[in-house]
């Protein structure tokens, strides 16, 4: 089922992780914590995505997937790429070119209304709660992975696959949350670590 889901996330694992990026990630977390509590940032993203989708739909429902949806996908691609970096999946920082860091493709489906876009705030809750639990586990195992990287510039395949699955879950939820797809994201921790094509599409 997961392979057929209309959202595709893939990332290329570095041959060797760079130790300085472990400290850079830590500094980024510190800055985010100083500027605003991390939970508030996550909460803002959770609220903003369906609200933005509803705003685009209300402006022109028939052209949402071809116009507003494209803009939402670009923002979500950056979020997914940033999440991939912070989750120790890649050392590529998604500054201006998220496709260079990860592959995030969405096959648009459905004709959302303003009301249905806002309802995603409610219908997304079960998946979001499970993702939060997985996120806590990923944070703990991320500390273990960071120690491995500092010691040997790599970390175990099992941990990498788990982190990939958590980020993939989040990518699918974001696409559904933004009304880009109709199908509810599968409750499936897809831990496959396929490498993306050399020229990934946005």
Protein backbone atom coordinates (compact mmCIF):
# COMPACT_ATOMS: atom_id res chain seq x y z
CA UNK A 1 0.00 0.00 0.00
CA UNK A 2 2.75 2.44 0.93
CA UNK A 3 4.42 2.18 -2.49
CA UNK A 4 1.14 3.15 -4.15
CA UNK A 5 0.61 6.21 -1.94
CA UNK A 6 0.70 9.40 -4.06
CA UNK A 7 3.54 10.96 -2.07
CA UNK A 8 7.12 9.89 -2.65
CA UNK A 9 10.02 10.68 -0.36
CA UNK A 10 13.58 9.50 -0.93
CA UNK A 11 16.99 10.68 0.20
CA UNK A 12 20.53 9.72 -0.71
CA UNK A 13 22.59 8.58 2.25
CA UNK A 14 26.05 10.15 2.39
CA UNK A 15 28.99 7.79 2.12
CA UNK A 16 30.33 9.50 5.22
CA UNK A 17 28.61 11.98 7.51
CA UNK A 18 30.57 15.10 8.39
CA UNK A 19 31.18 15.59 12.10
CA UNK A 20 30.83 19.43 12.02
CA UNK A 21 27.20 19.04 10.89
CA UNK A 22 26.37 17.37 14.21
CA UNK A 23 27.36 20.58 15.99
CA UNK A 24 25.63 22.73 13.36
CA UNK A 25 22.36 20.86 13.98
CA UNK A 26 22.77 21.41 17.70
CA UNK A 27 23.29 25.14 17.14
CA UNK A 28 20.20 25.30 14.92
CA UNK A 29 18.14 23.65 17.66
CA UNK A 30 19.50 26.14 20.20
CA UNK A 31 18.63 29.10 17.96
CA UNK A 32 15.12 27.77 17.35
CA UNK A 33 14.68 27.28 21.09
CA UNK A 34 15.84 30.84 21.80
CA UNK A 35 13.67 32.44 19.13
CA UNK A 36 10.60 30.35 19.91
CA UNK A 37 9.83 27.16 21.74
CA UNK A 38 10.22 24.24 19.34
CA UNK A 39 6.74 22.95 20.17
CA UNK A 40 5.30 26.31 19.11
CA UNK A 41 7.12 26.09 15.77
CA UNK A 42 5.71 22.61 15.13
CA UNK A 43 2.25 23.77 16.20
CA UNK A 44 2.43 26.77 13.89
CA UNK A 45 3.31 24.55 10.93
CA UNK A 46 0.45 22.20 11.83
CA UNK A 47 -2.03 25.10 11.83
CA UNK A 48 -0.57 27.04 8.92
CA UNK A 49 -0.57 24.32 6.24
CA UNK A 50 -4.34 23.64 6.10
CA UNK A 51 -5.15 27.31 6.61
CA UNK A 52 -2.94 28.21 3.65
CA UNK A 53 -4.59 25.47 1.59
CA UNK A 54 -8.06 26.77 2.54
CA UNK A 55 -7.03 30.30 1.55
CA UNK A 56 -5.81 29.16 -1.87
CA UNK A 57 -8.94 27.04 -2.39
CA UNK A 58 -11.23 29.92 -1.48
CA UNK A 59 -9.50 32.11 -4.04
CA UNK A 60 -9.97 29.66 -6.93
CA UNK A 61 -10.99 26.08 -6.16
CA UNK A 62 -10.67 24.86 -9.75
CA UNK A 63 -7.06 25.99 -10.04
CA UNK A 64 -5.88 24.95 -6.60
CA UNK A 65 -3.87 21.90 -7.67
CA UNK A 66 -2.24 23.73 -10.59
CA UNK A 67 -1.42 26.99 -8.78
CA UNK A 68 -1.90 27.20 -5.01
CA UNK A 69 -1.05 23.54 -4.58
CA UNK A 70 2.24 24.04 -6.41
CA UNK A 71 3.25 26.81 -4.01
CA UNK A 72 2.27 24.69 -1.02
CA UNK A 73 4.32 21.76 -2.39
CA UNK A 74 7.39 23.98 -2.67
CA UNK A 75 7.10 25.04 0.97
CA UNK A 76 6.46 21.46 2.09
CA UNK A 77 9.48 20.28 0.08
CA UNK A 78 11.66 22.69 2.04
CA UNK A 79 10.14 21.53 5.35
CA UNK A 80 10.73 17.88 4.45
CA UNK A 81 14.31 18.63 3.34
CA UNK A 82 14.98 20.50 6.59
CA UNK A 83 13.48 17.64 8.59
CA UNK A 84 15.73 15.21 6.68
CA UNK A 85 18.79 17.26 7.56
CA UNK A 86 17.88 17.56 11.23
CA UNK A 87 17.02 13.83 11.33
CA UNK A 88 20.56 12.90 10.23
CA UNK A 89 19.50 11.54 6.85
CA UNK A 90 21.65 13.90 4.81
CA UNK A 91 24.34 16.54 5.28
CA UNK A 92 22.87 18.74 2.56
CA UNK A 93 21.36 21.90 4.04
CA UNK A 94 18.17 22.90 2.16
CA UNK A 95 18.86 26.57 1.65
CA UNK A 96 17.57 27.51 -1.83
CA UNK A 97 17.43 24.12 -3.55
CA UNK A 98 15.52 21.48 -1.54
CA UNK A 99 15.45 19.03 -4.51
CA UNK A 100 19.23 18.80 -4.23
CA UNK A 101 18.79 17.44 -0.71
CA UNK A 102 15.78 15.12 -0.96
CA UNK A 103 13.15 13.88 -3.37
CA UNK A 104 9.60 14.87 -2.44
CA UNK A 105 7.01 14.22 -5.13
CA UNK A 106 3.25 14.50 -4.87
CA UNK A 107 0.71 13.23 -7.38
CA UNK A 108 -2.12 15.76 -6.85
CA UNK A 109 -5.60 14.35 -6.38
CA UNK A 110 -9.00 15.67 -5.43
CA UNK A 111 -10.86 18.98 -5.53
CA UNK A 112 -10.79 20.30 -1.98
CA UNK A 113 -13.20 22.92 -0.68
CA UNK A 114 -12.42 25.57 1.90
CA UNK A 115 -14.28 23.53 4.51
CA UNK A 116 -12.61 20.23 3.66
CA UNK A 117 -9.18 21.89 3.74
CA UNK A 118 -9.84 23.22 7.25
CA UNK A 119 -11.24 19.84 8.35
CA UNK A 120 -7.78 18.38 7.79
CA UNK A 121 -6.88 20.07 11.09
CA UNK A 122 -9.13 17.48 12.75
CA UNK A 123 -8.79 14.46 10.49
CA UNK A 124 -4.97 14.66 10.62
CA UNK A 125 -4.89 14.32 14.41
CA UNK A 126 -4.60 10.49 14.68
CA UNK A 127 -1.65 10.34 12.29
CA UNK A 128 -0.07 13.43 13.86
CA UNK A 129 -0.27 11.91 17.35
CA UNK A 130 1.45 8.72 16.21
CA UNK A 131 4.05 10.80 14.39
CA UNK A 132 4.70 12.70 17.62
CA UNK A 133 5.38 9.41 19.43
CA UNK A 134 7.66 8.30 16.62
CA UNK A 135 9.34 11.71 16.76
CA UNK A 136 10.18 11.24 20.43
CA UNK A 137 11.73 7.85 19.64
CA UNK A 138 13.60 9.39 16.69
CA UNK A 139 14.98 12.13 18.97
CA UNK A 140 16.34 9.56 21.41
CA UNK A 141 17.82 7.37 18.69
CA UNK A 142 19.10 10.53 16.98
CA UNK A 143 21.34 11.19 19.96
CA UNK A 144 22.73 7.67 19.60
CA UNK A 145 23.23 8.23 15.85
CA UNK A 146 25.01 11.53 16.50
CA UNK A 147 27.45 9.81 18.87
CA UNK A 148 28.16 7.17 16.20
CA UNK A 149 28.81 9.92 13.63
CA UNK A 150 31.24 11.69 15.96
CA UNK A 151 33.11 8.44 16.51
CA UNK A 152 33.11 6.88 13.03
CA UNK A 153 31.32 9.31 10.66
CA UNK A 154 28.41 6.89 10.13
CA UNK A 155 25.70 5.12 12.07
CA UNK A 156 23.86 1.75 11.90
CA UNK A 157 21.61 0.96 8.93
CA UNK A 158 18.69 0.11 11.22
CA UNK A 159 18.71 3.55 12.81
CA UNK A 160 18.98 5.22 9.41
CA UNK A 161 16.03 3.20 8.10
CA UNK A 162 13.95 4.13 11.16
CA UNK A 163 14.69 7.84 10.77
CA UNK A 164 13.87 7.59 7.05
CA UNK A 165 10.53 6.00 7.90
CA UNK A 166 9.66 8.74 10.40
CA UNK A 167 10.47 11.54 7.93
CA UNK A 168 8.55 9.71 5.18
CA UNK A 169 5.53 9.44 7.49
CA UNK A 170 5.77 13.19 8.12
CA UNK A 171 6.07 13.95 4.39
CA UNK A 172 2.91 11.99 3.60
CA UNK A 173 1.03 13.60 6.45
CA UNK A 174 2.06 17.08 5.30
CA UNK A 175 0.79 16.42 1.78
CA UNK A 176 -2.55 15.16 3.10
CA UNK A 177 -2.71 17.99 5.64
CA UNK A 178 -2.22 20.50 2.83
CA UNK A 179 -5.11 19.02 0.77
CA UNK A 180 -2.72 17.95 -1.98
CA UNK A 181 -4.00 14.36 -1.86
CA UNK A 182 -7.29 12.81 -0.78
CA UNK A 183 -6.03 9.46 0.47
CA UNK A 184 -5.28 9.35 4.19
CA UNK A 185 -1.60 8.62 4.88
CA UNK A 186 -1.03 4.95 5.68
CA UNK A 187 -0.26 3.95 9.26
CA UNK A 188 2.88 2.30 7.95
CA UNK A 189 6.44 3.05 8.99
CA UNK A 190 7.93 2.58 5.52
CA UNK A 191 11.65 2.22 6.26
CA UNK A 192 12.85 1.58 2.72
CA UNK A 193 15.98 3.57 1.90
CA UNK A 194 15.90 3.70 -1.88
CA UNK A 195 18.12 6.38 -3.38
CA UNK A 196 16.40 9.02 -5.53
CA UNK A 197 17.09 9.55 -9.19
CA UNK A 198 20.11 11.75 -10.01
CA UNK A 199 17.80 14.58 -11.09
CA UNK A 200 14.90 14.59 -8.61
CA UNK A 201 11.75 16.52 -9.44
CA UNK A 202 10.22 19.07 -7.07
